[in-house]
Amino acid sequence: MFQSGSFWMVMAASAVVYWLLPVRFRLGFLGAASIAYIVAISPVTALVLLGWSLAFFYLSPLATPKRAQAAALRQAAGEMPNLLRAQQSDKDPGIASTGTDTGILSAEDVSVDRRWILWGLIGGILLYLGVFKYLIPNIQFFQRQGGGGLAYYLPLGISYYSFKFIHYAVEVTRGRIVDRSLSGFLCYIYLLPTFSAGPIERYDHFISNLDDRWSAQGAAEGLGRIIQGLIKRFVLSEMVLREAFNFAASGTLLKRLDVLSTFQVWGYAIALYLYVYMDFAGYSDLAIGSSRLFGIRIMENFQFPILAPNIGEFWKRWHMTLSGWCQTYVYMPLLGLTRRPNLATYGAFLAIGMWHSASPPWLLWGLYHGTGIVVYQTWARTRRRQKWVWTNGWAWWLAGIAMTTLFVAAGDLLCFAGARSARQAITLIAKLLFIRF
C-alpha cells in the first residue's frame, strides 16, 4: 500500500481530520477511515475481517470464568475469609480482582470453565489462516503443475491480523485487557499503516500509547521515520540490492553454482540478507512513522540486527513483534507443558517459519534458526561456567557480528534461493563450506 499515491493522500487528509476531532471520536474516525480504504482495495478482506473482529470482540470476554452470584460469594467470604484470601493470592496477578471493599475476592472463584470459547476462537482463526495461506496455495501449486488451476486470492494482511486476534482473545481471557471499546478495537485491527506489513502490535501497548494533543515534535518524528523507510525500502533495497536478490530468488544462482566461486556465493547470500532487512525494516519504519502522524506510538520491529554479536541477540533485534509473540504464545506454553527448553525453542521457530509460509524451505529455515539458538545457549552456559573472560573483548565482539551475519545470510540463502530438493539444499550448503558436491 505504501507504493500508492492514494495511500499517502488518505493518510494526510485523515491526519488533519483526526486532530481536529474531539479525543473521544478520534479512534472511531481513524478506524472507519482505515476500513473504508481497505474496502476500496479489497472489499472481501474488509468484510470478512469485520465478521472476525466482531466475533473476537464480543466472544472473548465470555471465555473468562463465569461469575457466581455476589450474595453466595459474600456468604462464603464470611464463612471462610482466610481461604478466599489464599485463593486470591494464588491467582494470576494479571487477572483484575472484583472484590468488595474488604479486599476479599467476591466474583471470580465459583466459576464454570468456558475456555472452550477461547479455543474455538483460536481454532477458527488458525483454520481460516491455514486454509487461505497454506492449503489453497498448495492445491493451486499442484494444479499449475498439471497445466491448470484457478487464480488464487490471499486475503490482505491475513498473517498479521490473525496473530493480533489470538493475542487479544488470550489477554482478554486472562483479564489483562480491561480498557475495551469497539471503536478502539476496530482501529487496532484495521489501522492502515500497520495493516499489510505489521508490526504485530499488542492491544494494551496500542491503547496506552496514544497522544492526546498534536505536537510538532511528534509530527517531525513521524516524518523522519517515513523518510528513513523510503530510503531503506525504495533506494537501498530496490535500487542497490534488488538485482542480487533476483539473481538468487529466480533460481539463477543454483543453476550457475558450478561456475561461481564460494566467495561469490557468500557475496550473494550477504546481499540477499541485506535486501530482506532493508525491505522489511523499511516497511516497519513507514508504518511506525505514519502511525506517529496520528500520535500513535506502535511497537518497534527492528533494532539494528545487523550489529548483533550472536544469534541470541539477533532474535532480540529482528522482527521483534513476531519473535515476542511466539515467545509469549508458543515458547512459554510449550515450556510449561514439557519443561524442555530446547523443544520449546524448536516449536517457537517452527511457528515463525510457518508464519511466513508452510513450505519446506521455511520449515527448514525455522529448524535452522532453532538449532542456532540451542547451540548458542549451550555455548553461553559453558562460557559462563568456565569464566572465559577472553570472550569479553572488542575483537570477539567484532568476530561475533561477522559470524552472526554469515549464519543468518546462509539461512536466508537456503530459504530464498529456490532449492526444491534435499540434494539442492545440500549442494548449496556444501558450496558455502568450500566443498564440491
Protein backbone atom coordinates (compact mmCIF):
# COMPACT_ATOMS: atom_id res chain seq x y z
CA MET A 1 0.00 0.00 0.00
CA PHE A 2 2.90 2.35 0.68
CA GLN A 3 3.67 2.47 -3.07
CA SER A 4 0.27 4.01 -3.79
CA GLY A 5 -0.21 7.75 -4.02
CA SER A 6 -3.79 7.34 -2.81
CA PHE A 7 -2.50 5.83 0.44
CA TRP A 8 -0.47 8.94 1.25
CA MET A 9 -3.33 11.26 0.31
CA VAL A 10 -5.65 9.34 2.64
CA MET A 11 -3.01 9.46 5.40
CA ALA A 12 -2.53 13.22 5.06
CA ALA A 13 -6.26 14.03 4.94
CA SER A 14 -7.06 11.63 7.78
CA ALA A 15 -4.32 13.09 10.00
CA VAL A 16 -5.76 16.61 9.60
CA VAL A 17 -9.32 15.49 10.42
CA TYR A 18 -8.10 13.24 13.25
CA TRP A 19 -6.51 16.11 15.19
CA LEU A 20 -9.49 18.42 14.60
CA LEU A 21 -11.90 15.95 16.21
CA PRO A 22 -12.56 15.68 19.96
CA VAL A 23 -10.48 12.95 21.61
CA ARG A 24 -13.42 10.59 22.13
CA PHE A 25 -14.14 10.43 18.39
CA ARG A 26 -10.60 10.03 17.06
CA LEU A 27 -10.09 6.27 17.20
CA GLY A 28 -13.55 5.70 15.75
CA PHE A 29 -12.79 8.02 12.87
CA LEU A 30 -9.36 6.51 12.19
CA GLY A 31 -10.81 3.00 12.31
CA ALA A 32 -13.61 3.99 9.92
CA ALA A 33 -11.15 5.67 7.52
CA SER A 34 -8.93 2.56 7.57
CA ILE A 35 -11.90 0.26 6.94
CA ALA A 36 -13.11 2.45 4.07
CA TYR A 37 -9.70 2.37 2.38
CA ILE A 38 -9.40 -1.42 2.77
CA VAL A 39 -12.93 -1.85 1.40
CA ALA A 40 -11.88 0.17 -1.64
CA ILE A 41 -8.87 -2.05 -2.39
CA SER A 42 -10.08 -5.41 -1.06
CA PRO A 43 -13.79 -5.48 -0.14
CA VAL A 44 -13.88 -9.21 0.58
CA THR A 45 -10.99 -8.92 3.03
CA ALA A 46 -12.57 -5.95 4.78
CA LEU A 47 -15.99 -7.55 5.19
CA VAL A 48 -14.74 -10.98 6.30
CA LEU A 49 -12.37 -9.29 8.72
CA LEU A 50 -15.23 -7.27 10.15
CA GLY A 51 -17.04 -10.51 10.96
CA TRP A 52 -13.98 -11.92 12.68
CA SER A 53 -13.47 -8.65 14.56
CA LEU A 54 -17.00 -8.63 15.96
CA ALA A 55 -16.71 -12.30 16.94
CA PHE A 56 -13.45 -11.78 18.82
CA PHE A 57 -14.58 -8.54 20.46
CA TYR A 58 -17.86 -9.89 21.80
CA LEU A 59 -16.95 -13.54 22.47
CA SER A 60 -13.51 -13.16 24.04
CA PRO A 61 -14.85 -11.83 27.38
CA LEU A 62 -17.22 -14.82 27.59
CA ALA A 63 -14.24 -17.16 27.86
CA THR A 64 -13.38 -15.82 31.32
CA PRO A 65 -14.72 -17.79 34.30
CA LYS A 66 -18.45 -17.33 34.81
CA ARG A 67 -19.01 -15.17 37.84
CA ALA A 68 -21.13 -16.56 40.63
CA GLN A 69 -23.78 -14.51 42.34
CA ALA A 70 -22.41 -11.88 44.67
CA ALA A 71 -24.64 -12.97 47.56
CA ALA A 72 -23.25 -16.51 47.55
CA LEU A 73 -19.71 -15.23 47.45
CA ARG A 74 -20.30 -12.76 50.29
CA GLN A 75 -21.67 -15.63 52.33
CA ALA A 76 -18.65 -17.77 51.51
CA ALA A 77 -16.35 -14.87 52.33
CA GLY A 78 -18.00 -14.52 55.74
CA GLU A 79 -17.59 -18.22 56.45
CA MET A 80 -14.10 -18.77 55.06
CA PRO A 81 -12.29 -15.41 54.68
CA ASN A 82 -8.81 -16.82 55.09
CA LEU A 83 -9.35 -19.47 52.40
CA LEU A 84 -10.68 -16.89 49.94
CA ARG A 85 -7.72 -14.65 50.60
CA ALA A 86 -5.40 -17.54 49.90
CA GLN A 87 -7.26 -18.33 46.70
CA GLN A 88 -6.96 -14.71 45.63
CA SER A 89 -3.20 -14.64 46.24
CA ASP A 90 -2.73 -17.79 44.18
CA LYS A 91 -4.47 -16.36 41.14
CA ASP A 92 -2.72 -14.93 38.13
CA PRO A 93 -1.69 -11.40 39.20
CA GLY A 94 -2.69 -10.17 35.76
CA ILE A 95 -6.38 -11.00 36.41
CA ALA A 96 -8.19 -7.99 37.79
CA SER A 97 -9.97 -8.50 41.11
CA THR A 98 -13.61 -7.54 41.51
CA GLY A 99 -13.55 -7.74 45.26
CA THR A 100 -15.67 -5.96 47.85
CA ASP A 101 -14.46 -3.07 49.97
CA THR A 102 -12.98 -5.61 52.41
CA GLY A 103 -10.44 -6.63 49.73
CA ILE A 104 -11.75 -10.21 49.65
CA LEU A 105 -12.33 -11.80 46.24
CA SER A 106 -16.03 -11.52 45.53
CA ALA A 107 -16.78 -12.67 41.98
CA GLU A 108 -14.13 -14.85 40.47
CA ASP A 109 -13.82 -18.20 42.11
CA VAL A 110 -17.15 -20.06 41.92
CA SER A 111 -16.92 -20.48 38.18
CA VAL A 112 -17.75 -22.51 35.13
CA ASP A 113 -14.90 -23.39 32.78
CA ARG A 114 -15.64 -21.73 29.45
CA ARG A 115 -12.20 -21.93 27.93
CA TRP A 116 -13.79 -23.79 25.03
CA ILE A 117 -14.87 -20.37 23.74
CA LEU A 118 -11.25 -19.22 23.67
CA TRP A 119 -10.10 -22.42 21.97
CA GLY A 120 -12.94 -22.13 19.48
CA LEU A 121 -11.90 -18.59 18.55
CA ILE A 122 -8.23 -19.54 18.26
CA GLY A 123 -9.00 -22.72 16.33
CA GLY A 124 -11.33 -20.84 13.99
CA ILE A 125 -8.84 -18.11 13.07
CA LEU A 126 -6.00 -20.64 12.70
CA LEU A 127 -8.20 -22.75 10.42
CA TYR A 128 -9.01 -19.65 8.37
CA LEU A 129 -5.29 -18.78 8.20
CA GLY A 130 -4.36 -22.36 7.32
CA VAL A 131 -6.92 -22.71 4.55
CA PHE A 132 -6.14 -19.44 2.79
CA LYS A 133 -2.39 -19.23 3.38
CA TYR A 134 -1.34 -22.89 3.30
CA LEU A 135 -3.96 -25.33 1.97
CA ILE A 136 -5.28 -23.44 -1.06
CA PRO A 137 -1.83 -22.29 -2.26
CA ASN A 138 -0.57 -25.89 -2.20
CA ILE A 139 -3.64 -27.10 -4.11
CA GLN A 140 -3.13 -24.33 -6.66
CA PHE A 141 0.56 -25.24 -6.95
CA PHE A 142 -0.23 -28.84 -7.86
CA GLN A 143 -2.95 -27.72 -10.27
CA ARG A 144 -0.47 -25.44 -12.02
CA GLN A 145 1.99 -28.29 -12.21
CA GLY A 146 -0.67 -30.14 -14.19
CA GLY A 147 -1.21 -27.21 -16.53
CA GLY A 148 -4.40 -25.89 -14.99
CA GLY A 149 -5.54 -24.14 -11.85
CA LEU A 150 -7.53 -21.05 -10.98
CA ALA A 151 -6.23 -17.70 -9.81
CA TYR A 152 -5.62 -17.69 -6.06
CA TYR A 153 -6.88 -14.99 -3.70
CA LEU A 154 -4.93 -14.36 -0.48
CA PRO A 155 -6.70 -12.03 1.98
CA LEU A 156 -4.66 -8.90 2.56
CA GLY A 157 -2.79 -8.78 5.89
CA ILE A 158 -4.03 -12.23 6.99
CA SER A 159 -0.87 -13.22 8.88
CA TYR A 160 -0.80 -10.00 10.89
CA TYR A 161 -4.41 -9.71 11.97
CA SER A 162 -4.67 -13.45 12.75
CA PHE A 163 -1.92 -13.12 15.35
CA LYS A 164 -3.48 -9.89 16.65
CA PHE A 165 -6.78 -11.71 17.20
CA ILE A 166 -5.11 -14.53 19.13
CA HIS A 167 -3.22 -12.06 21.31
CA TYR A 168 -6.40 -10.11 22.04
CA ALA A 169 -8.50 -13.16 22.89
CA VAL A 170 -5.88 -14.69 25.20
CA GLU A 171 -5.18 -11.45 27.07
CA VAL A 172 -8.87 -10.60 27.47
CA THR A 173 -9.48 -14.09 28.84
CA ARG A 174 -6.58 -13.64 31.26
CA GLY A 175 -8.11 -10.37 32.42
CA ARG A 176 -5.15 -8.29 31.32
CA ILE A 177 -7.13 -6.17 28.86
CA VAL A 178 -9.84 -4.20 30.62
CA ASP A 179 -9.90 -0.94 28.62
CA ARG A 180 -12.18 -2.24 25.85
CA SER A 181 -14.14 -0.28 23.27
CA LEU A 182 -15.36 -1.42 19.88
CA SER A 183 -14.04 1.70 18.15
CA GLY A 184 -10.59 1.24 19.70
CA PHE A 185 -10.52 -2.45 18.82
CA LEU A 186 -11.51 -1.89 15.18
CA CYS A 187 -8.90 0.86 14.87
CA TYR A 188 -6.31 -1.53 16.37
CA ILE A 189 -7.16 -4.29 13.89
CA TYR A 190 -7.66 -2.18 10.75
CA LEU A 191 -5.04 0.54 11.44
CA LEU A 192 -3.98 1.39 7.91
CA PRO A 193 -0.21 1.93 8.40
CA THR A 194 0.24 -1.50 10.03
CA PHE A 195 -2.44 -3.49 8.23
CA SER A 196 -0.49 -5.20 5.46
CA ALA A 197 3.10 -5.31 6.77
CA GLY A 198 2.97 -5.05 10.56
CA PRO A 199 4.41 -4.70 13.13
CA ILE A 200 2.28 -7.15 15.14
CA GLU A 201 1.13 -4.59 17.68
CA ARG A 202 -0.15 -5.55 21.14
CA TYR A 203 -3.54 -4.10 22.05
CA ASP A 204 -2.51 -2.95 25.52
CA HIS A 205 0.54 -1.18 24.07
CA PHE A 206 -1.61 0.41 21.36
CA ILE A 207 -4.21 1.81 23.78
CA SER A 208 -1.66 3.09 26.29
CA ASN A 209 0.50 4.91 23.72
CA LEU A 210 -1.90 7.46 22.24
CA ASP A 211 -1.06 11.17 22.38
CA ASP A 212 -3.93 13.48 23.35
CA ARG A 213 -2.53 16.53 21.60
CA TRP A 214 -0.80 17.20 18.31
CA SER A 215 2.83 18.22 18.67
CA ALA A 216 5.37 19.46 16.17
CA GLN A 217 7.91 17.09 17.68
CA GLY A 218 5.66 14.09 17.12
CA ALA A 219 4.96 15.10 13.54
CA ALA A 220 8.69 15.61 12.91
CA GLU A 221 9.45 12.18 14.38
CA GLY A 222 6.84 10.62 12.14
CA LEU A 223 8.10 12.34 9.00
CA GLY A 224 11.68 11.41 9.89
CA ARG A 225 10.78 7.72 10.20
CA ILE A 226 8.87 7.87 6.92
CA ILE A 227 11.94 9.30 5.18
CA GLN A 228 14.11 6.54 6.69
CA GLY A 229 11.63 3.94 5.50
CA LEU A 230 11.51 5.35 1.98
CA ILE A 231 15.32 5.33 1.75
CA LYS A 232 15.59 1.75 3.04
CA ARG A 233 12.71 0.36 1.01
CA PHE A 234 12.97 2.17 -2.31
CA VAL A 235 16.61 3.26 -2.51
CA LEU A 236 18.80 0.73 -0.71
CA SER A 237 16.53 -2.26 -1.21
CA GLU A 238 15.11 -1.67 -4.69
CA MET A 239 17.89 0.27 -6.39
CA VAL A 240 21.02 -1.14 -4.75
CA LEU A 241 20.25 -4.70 -3.67
CA ARG A 242 17.33 -5.84 -5.83
CA GLU A 243 19.46 -7.33 -8.61
CA ALA A 244 21.34 -9.59 -6.20
CA PHE A 245 18.06 -10.73 -4.66
CA ASN A 246 16.56 -11.50 -8.07
CA PHE A 247 19.68 -13.44 -9.09
CA ALA A 248 19.27 -15.73 -6.07
CA ALA A 249 15.47 -15.89 -5.85
CA SER A 250 14.97 -16.61 -9.55
CA GLY A 251 16.99 -19.82 -9.27
CA THR A 252 19.84 -18.48 -11.40
CA LEU A 253 22.32 -18.83 -8.55
CA LEU A 254 21.56 -22.54 -8.19
CA LYS A 255 21.86 -23.08 -11.92
CA ARG A 256 25.26 -21.38 -12.02
CA LEU A 257 26.56 -22.83 -8.77
CA ASP A 258 29.29 -24.78 -10.58
CA VAL A 259 30.81 -21.68 -12.18
CA LEU A 260 30.55 -19.38 -9.17
CA SER A 261 33.27 -19.28 -6.52
CA THR A 262 32.43 -19.81 -2.86
CA PHE A 263 33.21 -16.16 -2.14
CA GLN A 264 30.80 -15.07 -4.87
CA VAL A 265 28.05 -17.26 -3.39
CA TRP A 266 28.71 -15.77 0.04
CA GLY A 267 28.53 -12.31 -1.52
CA TYR A 268 25.10 -13.05 -2.96
CA ALA A 269 23.99 -14.50 0.38
CA ILE A 270 25.00 -11.36 2.29
CA ALA A 271 23.42 -9.09 -0.34
CA LEU A 272 20.20 -11.11 -0.14
CA TYR A 273 20.20 -10.83 3.67
CA LEU A 274 20.69 -7.05 3.46
CA TYR A 275 17.92 -6.80 0.86
CA VAL A 276 15.46 -8.64 3.13
CA TYR A 277 16.49 -6.46 6.09
CA MET A 278 16.21 -3.15 4.23
CA ASP A 279 12.91 -4.19 2.64
CA PHE A 280 11.23 -5.30 5.84
CA ALA A 281 12.78 -2.67 8.14
CA GLY A 282 11.81 -0.02 5.59
CA TYR A 283 8.18 -1.11 5.70
CA SER A 284 8.30 -1.07 9.52
CA ASP A 285 9.72 2.46 9.51
CA LEU A 286 6.94 3.58 7.18
CA ALA A 287 4.30 2.01 9.43
CA ILE A 288 5.79 3.50 12.61
CA GLY A 289 6.23 6.93 11.03
CA SER A 290 2.73 7.01 9.51
CA SER A 291 1.19 5.99 12.84
CA ARG A 292 3.18 8.70 14.58
CA LEU A 293 1.39 11.32 12.47
CA PHE A 294 -1.74 10.35 14.45
CA GLY A 295 0.07 10.47 17.79
CA ILE A 296 0.19 6.66 17.94
CA ARG A 297 3.43 5.06 19.12
CA ILE A 298 3.40 1.49 17.86
CA MET A 299 5.99 -1.11 18.78
CA GLU A 300 9.45 -1.17 17.24
CA ASN A 301 10.19 -4.10 14.97
CA PHE A 302 13.93 -3.86 14.24
CA GLN A 303 16.81 -2.60 16.34
CA PHE A 304 19.92 -2.79 14.14
CA PRO A 305 20.03 -6.62 13.96
CA ILE A 306 22.97 -6.41 11.54
CA LEU A 307 25.08 -5.38 14.57
CA ALA A 308 24.02 -8.35 16.72
CA PRO A 309 27.13 -10.12 18.14
CA ASN A 310 25.37 -13.51 18.45
CA ILE A 311 22.26 -15.27 17.22
CA GLY A 312 20.51 -14.87 20.57
CA GLU A 313 20.94 -11.10 20.44
CA PHE A 314 19.92 -11.14 16.77
CA TRP A 315 16.49 -12.51 17.67
CA LYS A 316 16.07 -9.77 20.26
CA ARG A 317 16.53 -7.24 17.44
CA TRP A 318 14.97 -8.88 14.34
CA HIS A 319 11.21 -8.81 13.74
CA MET A 320 10.79 -8.21 17.45
CA THR A 321 7.00 -8.19 17.47
CA LEU A 322 6.78 -11.62 15.81
CA SER A 323 9.51 -13.20 17.95
CA GLY A 324 7.92 -11.65 21.07
CA TRP A 325 4.51 -13.01 20.07
CA CYS A 326 5.92 -16.51 19.56
CA GLN A 327 7.80 -16.35 22.84
CA THR A 328 4.59 -15.48 24.71
CA TYR A 329 2.10 -17.74 22.93
CA VAL A 330 4.24 -20.65 21.69
CA TYR A 331 7.51 -20.91 23.63
CA MET A 332 6.15 -20.31 27.15
CA PRO A 333 3.13 -22.67 26.82
CA LEU A 334 5.36 -25.41 25.35
CA LEU A 335 7.91 -24.88 28.11
CA GLY A 336 5.17 -25.14 30.71
CA LEU A 337 3.84 -28.35 29.17
CA THR A 338 7.13 -30.13 28.51
CA ARG A 339 9.70 -28.47 30.82
CA ARG A 340 12.11 -28.86 27.90
CA PRO A 341 13.55 -25.50 26.77
CA ASN A 342 15.10 -26.90 23.58
CA LEU A 343 11.82 -28.42 22.44
CA ALA A 344 10.03 -25.16 23.17
CA THR A 345 12.69 -23.28 21.19
CA TYR A 346 12.20 -25.50 18.15
CA GLY A 347 8.43 -25.14 18.45
CA ALA A 348 8.69 -21.34 18.51
CA PHE A 349 10.97 -21.18 15.49
CA LEU A 350 8.87 -23.61 13.50
CA ALA A 351 5.93 -21.30 14.24
CA ILE A 352 7.95 -18.32 12.98
CA GLY A 353 8.84 -20.24 9.83
CA MET A 354 5.24 -21.33 9.24
CA TRP A 355 4.03 -17.77 9.83
CA HIS A 356 5.96 -16.85 6.68
CA SER A 357 4.94 -19.95 4.74
CA ALA A 358 4.27 -23.65 5.34
CA SER A 359 6.66 -24.56 2.52
CA PRO A 360 9.65 -26.89 3.10
CA PRO A 361 12.24 -24.05 2.76
CA TRP A 362 10.60 -22.04 5.54
CA LEU A 363 10.24 -25.07 7.80
CA LEU A 364 13.93 -25.82 7.20
CA TRP A 365 14.67 -22.17 7.98
CA GLY A 366 12.81 -22.50 11.30
CA LEU A 367 14.76 -25.64 12.23
CA TYR A 368 17.99 -23.93 11.16
CA HIS A 369 17.47 -20.91 13.43
CA GLY A 370 16.14 -23.07 16.25
CA THR A 371 19.33 -25.12 16.09
CA GLY A 372 21.38 -21.92 16.06
CA ILE A 373 19.69 -20.72 19.26
CA VAL A 374 20.11 -24.10 21.02
CA VAL A 375 23.80 -24.26 20.11
CA TYR A 376 24.38 -20.66 21.16
CA GLN A 377 22.64 -21.16 24.52
CA THR A 378 24.80 -24.23 25.18
CA TRP A 379 27.91 -22.21 24.31
CA ALA A 380 26.80 -19.29 26.53
CA ARG A 381 26.26 -21.58 29.53
CA THR A 382 29.67 -23.17 29.02
CA ARG A 383 31.34 -19.76 28.71
CA ARG A 384 29.78 -18.55 31.96
CA ARG A 385 30.64 -21.77 33.76
CA GLN A 386 34.25 -21.73 32.57
CA LYS A 387 34.54 -17.96 33.08
CA TRP A 388 36.17 -17.36 29.71
CA VAL A 389 36.93 -13.65 30.09
CA TRP A 390 38.74 -13.58 26.76
CA THR A 391 35.33 -13.56 25.05
CA ASN A 392 34.52 -10.12 26.52
CA GLY A 393 36.86 -8.02 24.35
CA TRP A 394 36.09 -5.91 21.31
CA ALA A 395 37.84 -8.38 18.96
CA TRP A 396 35.46 -11.16 20.00
CA TRP A 397 32.53 -8.76 19.65
CA LEU A 398 33.52 -7.96 16.05
CA ALA A 399 34.06 -11.64 15.30
CA GLY A 400 30.62 -12.35 16.76
CA ILE A 401 28.97 -9.82 14.44
CA ALA A 402 30.72 -11.39 11.43
CA MET A 403 29.75 -14.96 12.44
CA THR A 404 26.15 -13.95 13.12
CA THR A 405 25.90 -12.19 9.76
CA LEU A 406 27.22 -15.23 7.91
CA PHE A 407 24.91 -17.58 9.82
CA VAL A 408 21.80 -15.51 9.08
CA ALA A 409 22.81 -14.91 5.45
CA ALA A 410 23.29 -18.64 4.87
CA GLY A 411 19.84 -19.34 6.28
CA ASP A 412 18.23 -16.72 4.06
CA LEU A 413 20.02 -18.15 1.02
CA LEU A 414 18.68 -21.62 1.81
CA CYS A 415 15.20 -20.16 2.06
CA PHE A 416 15.17 -17.76 -0.90
CA ALA A 417 17.49 -19.42 -3.42
CA GLY A 418 14.76 -21.73 -4.67
CA ALA A 419 16.15 -25.11 -3.54
CA ARG A 420 13.39 -27.61 -4.38
CA SER A 421 15.01 -30.79 -3.11
CA ALA A 422 17.24 -32.04 -0.33
CA ARG A 423 20.03 -32.57 -2.86
CA GLN A 424 19.91 -28.94 -3.98
CA ALA A 425 19.95 -27.71 -0.38
CA ILE A 426 22.91 -29.95 0.50
CA THR A 427 24.77 -28.83 -2.62
CA LEU A 428 24.25 -25.20 -1.65
CA ILE A 429 25.45 -25.78 1.92
CA ALA A 430 28.50 -27.66 0.66
CA LYS A 431 29.35 -24.76 -1.65
CA LEU A 432 29.23 -22.33 1.26
CA LEU A 433 31.65 -24.62 3.14
CA PHE A 434 34.11 -24.75 0.21
CA ILE A 435 33.11 -28.33 -0.59
CA ARG A 436 32.41 -29.51 -4.12
CA PHE A 437 29.41 -31.83 -4.02
